[in-house]
Amino acid sequence: MGTYSTAVKGAGLADAASLPLVALNAMLAEDGAVIDVPEGVDAGSLLLVHRATQPGTSSHPRHVLRLGAGARLSVIEIATGVGESLHNPVTEITLEDGAEL
């Protein structure tokens, strides 16, 4: 399957200039999943879970999903927690020819 690592703060293609929450994410991003699925690989399903453990917190994950030609991946993302919090994810996706996400 692909790889998981820390996303680069503020990196990527999302347009922070015209989208305020993307700009906030770019400024405050601290982690996120970086998934590379090689050409022709069916990587199955990926579950991303974010849990706020205290009210009044914020999280700004930056996820990067890259699928090679003919690759497949299903992603389910769940955000949960206690009290009110701000969950502001940005997911950048690159799909090569025939890839399915």
C-alpha atoms as a PDB file:
ATOM      1  CA  MET A   1       0.000   0.000   0.000  1.00  0.00           C
ATOM      2  CA  GLY A   2       1.045   3.666   0.026  1.00  0.00           C
ATOM      3  CA  THR A   3       3.107   5.525   2.578  1.00  0.00           C
ATOM      4  CA  TYR A   4       2.156   7.701   5.535  1.00  0.00           C
ATOM      5  CA  SER A   5       4.191  10.661   6.669  1.00  0.00           C
ATOM      6  CA  THR A   6       3.829  14.215   7.893  1.00  0.00           C
ATOM      7  CA  ALA A   7       2.638  16.659   5.245  1.00  0.00           C
ATOM      8  CA  VAL A   8       4.809  19.663   4.513  1.00  0.00           C
ATOM      9  CA  LYS A   9       3.452  22.800   6.162  1.00  0.00           C
ATOM     10  CA  GLY A  10       1.763  25.028   3.583  1.00  0.00           C
ATOM     11  CA  ALA A  11       2.895  22.899   0.650  1.00  0.00           C
ATOM     12  CA  GLY A  12       0.777  21.942  -2.301  1.00  0.00           C
ATOM     13  CA  LEU A  13      -1.631  23.124  -4.928  1.00  0.00           C
ATOM     14  CA  ALA A  14      -4.683  24.317  -2.973  1.00  0.00           C
ATOM     15  CA  ASP A  15      -5.354  27.990  -3.693  1.00  0.00           C
ATOM     16  CA  ALA A  16      -4.762  29.782  -0.381  1.00  0.00           C
ATOM     17  CA  ALA A  17      -5.036  33.204  -2.056  1.00  0.00           C
ATOM     18  CA  SER A  18      -8.734  32.876  -2.887  1.00  0.00           C
ATOM     19  CA  LEU A  19      -9.926  30.445  -0.188  1.00  0.00           C
ATOM     20  CA  PRO A  20      -9.622  31.799   3.386  1.00  0.00           C
ATOM     21  CA  LEU A  21      -9.923  28.427   5.171  1.00  0.00           C
ATOM     22  CA  VAL A  22      -7.247  26.961   2.883  1.00  0.00           C
ATOM     23  CA  ALA A  23      -5.039  29.937   3.793  1.00  0.00           C
ATOM     24  CA  LEU A  24      -5.685  29.258   7.496  1.00  0.00           C
ATOM     25  CA  ASN A  25      -4.814  25.588   6.951  1.00  0.00           C
ATOM     26  CA  ALA A  26      -1.616  26.530   5.095  1.00  0.00           C
ATOM     27  CA  MET A  27      -0.582  28.775   7.979  1.00  0.00           C
ATOM     28  CA  LEU A  28      -1.423  26.337  10.798  1.00  0.00           C
ATOM     29  CA  ALA A  29      -1.050  22.851   9.264  1.00  0.00           C
ATOM     30  CA  GLU A  30       0.911  20.569  11.563  1.00  0.00           C
ATOM     31  CA  ASP A  31       0.274  17.093  10.226  1.00  0.00           C
ATOM     32  CA  GLY A  32      -1.749  15.001   7.837  1.00  0.00           C
ATOM     33  CA  ALA A  33      -1.582  11.863   5.774  1.00  0.00           C
ATOM     34  CA  VAL A  34       0.585  11.656   2.675  1.00  0.00           C
ATOM     35  CA  ILE A  35      -0.529   8.610   0.694  1.00  0.00           C
ATOM     36  CA  ASP A  36       1.155   7.444  -2.522  1.00  0.00           C
ATOM     37  CA  VAL A  37      -0.476   4.490  -4.258  1.00  0.00           C
ATOM     38  CA  PRO A  38       1.761   3.087  -7.023  1.00  0.00           C
ATOM     39  CA  GLU A  39       0.576   2.450 -10.555  1.00  0.00           C
ATOM     40  CA  GLY A  40      -1.867  -0.453 -10.869  1.00  0.00           C
ATOM     41  CA  VAL A  41      -2.195  -1.097  -7.119  1.00  0.00           C
ATOM     42  CA  ASP A  42      -5.602  -1.581  -5.464  1.00  0.00           C
ATOM     43  CA  ALA A  43      -4.859  -0.184  -2.000  1.00  0.00           C
ATOM     44  CA  GLY A  44      -8.288  -1.055  -0.573  1.00  0.00           C
ATOM     45  CA  SER A  45      -9.759   1.309   2.028  1.00  0.00           C
ATOM     46  CA  LEU A  46      -8.227   3.961   4.251  1.00  0.00           C
ATOM     47  CA  LEU A  47      -9.961   5.331   7.364  1.00  0.00           C
ATOM     48  CA  LEU A  48      -8.786   8.744   8.602  1.00  0.00           C
ATOM     49  CA  VAL A  49     -10.091   9.577  12.086  1.00  0.00           C
ATOM     50  CA  HIS A  50      -9.714  12.954  13.806  1.00  0.00           C
ATOM     51  CA  ARG A  51     -10.789  13.250  17.427  1.00  0.00           C
ATOM     52  CA  ALA A  52     -10.877  16.482  19.413  1.00  0.00           C
ATOM     53  CA  THR A  53     -10.265  15.558  23.054  1.00  0.00           C
ATOM     54  CA  GLN A  54     -10.993  18.993  24.547  1.00  0.00           C
ATOM     55  CA  PRO A  55     -13.564  21.680  23.663  1.00  0.00           C
ATOM     56  CA  GLY A  56     -12.273  24.823  21.987  1.00  0.00           C
ATOM     57  CA  THR A  57      -9.440  23.177  20.070  1.00  0.00           C
ATOM     58  CA  SER A  58      -8.639  23.447  16.383  1.00  0.00           C
ATOM     59  CA  SER A  59      -6.957  21.111  13.936  1.00  0.00           C
ATOM     60  CA  HIS A  60      -5.708  21.848  10.436  1.00  0.00           C
ATOM     61  CA  PRO A  61      -4.484  18.620   8.822  1.00  0.00           C
ATOM     62  CA  ARG A  62      -3.115  18.786   5.264  1.00  0.00           C
ATOM     63  CA  HIS A  63      -3.654  15.475   3.452  1.00  0.00           C
ATOM     64  CA  VAL A  64      -2.010  14.604   0.142  1.00  0.00           C
ATOM     65  CA  LEU A  65      -3.363  11.672  -1.891  1.00  0.00           C
ATOM     66  CA  ARG A  66      -1.529  10.621  -5.066  1.00  0.00           C
ATOM     67  CA  LEU A  67      -2.671   7.645  -7.137  1.00  0.00           C
ATOM     68  CA  GLY A  68      -0.627   6.300 -10.030  1.00  0.00           C
ATOM     69  CA  ALA A  69      -2.148   5.183 -13.320  1.00  0.00           C
ATOM     70  CA  GLY A  70      -4.822   2.524 -12.776  1.00  0.00           C
ATOM     71  CA  ALA A  71      -4.471   2.646  -8.970  1.00  0.00           C
ATOM     72  CA  ARG A  72      -7.486   2.426  -6.642  1.00  0.00           C
ATOM     73  CA  LEU A  73      -8.198   3.670  -3.117  1.00  0.00           C
ATOM     74  CA  SER A  74     -11.325   4.291  -1.031  1.00  0.00           C
ATOM     75  CA  VAL A  75     -11.059   6.947   1.702  1.00  0.00           C
ATOM     76  CA  ILE A  76     -13.415   7.525   4.617  1.00  0.00           C
ATOM     77  CA  GLU A  77     -12.738  10.483   6.898  1.00  0.00           C
ATOM     78  CA  ILE A  78     -14.405  10.890  10.289  1.00  0.00           C
ATOM     79  CA  ALA A  79     -14.123  13.939  12.553  1.00  0.00           C
ATOM     80  CA  THR A  80     -15.483  13.622  16.079  1.00  0.00           C
ATOM     81  CA  GLY A  81     -14.853  14.962  19.532  1.00  0.00           C
ATOM     82  CA  VAL A  82     -16.177  16.663  22.628  1.00  0.00           C
ATOM     83  CA  GLY A  83     -17.680  20.139  22.702  1.00  0.00           C
ATOM     84  CA  GLU A  84     -17.163  22.676  19.957  1.00  0.00           C
ATOM     85  CA  SER A  85     -13.961  22.685  17.941  1.00  0.00           C
ATOM     86  CA  LEU A  86     -12.690  23.722  14.520  1.00  0.00           C
ATOM     87  CA  HIS A  87     -11.677  20.923  12.172  1.00  0.00           C
ATOM     88  CA  ASN A  88     -10.231  22.461   8.998  1.00  0.00           C
ATOM     89  CA  PRO A  89      -8.739  19.751   6.767  1.00  0.00           C
ATOM     90  CA  VAL A  90      -7.415  20.350   3.257  1.00  0.00           C
ATOM     91  CA  THR A  91      -6.954  17.342   0.988  1.00  0.00           C
ATOM     92  CA  GLU A  92      -4.978  17.632  -2.220  1.00  0.00           C
ATOM     93  CA  ILE A  93      -5.590  14.861  -4.742  1.00  0.00           C
ATOM     94  CA  THR A  94      -3.593  13.834  -7.794  1.00  0.00           C
ATOM     95  CA  LEU A  95      -5.013  11.061  -9.991  1.00  0.00           C
ATOM     96  CA  GLU A  96      -3.113   9.661 -12.970  1.00  0.00           C
ATOM     97  CA  ASP A  97      -4.928   8.122 -15.963  1.00  0.00           C
ATOM     98  CA  GLY A  98      -7.440   5.458 -14.960  1.00  0.00           C
ATOM     99  CA  ALA A  99      -6.943   5.951 -11.206  1.00  0.00           C
ATOM    100  CA  GLU A 100     -10.039   5.684  -8.984  1.00  0.00           C
ATOM    101  CA  LEU A 101     -10.545   7.391  -5.671  1.00  0.00           C
END
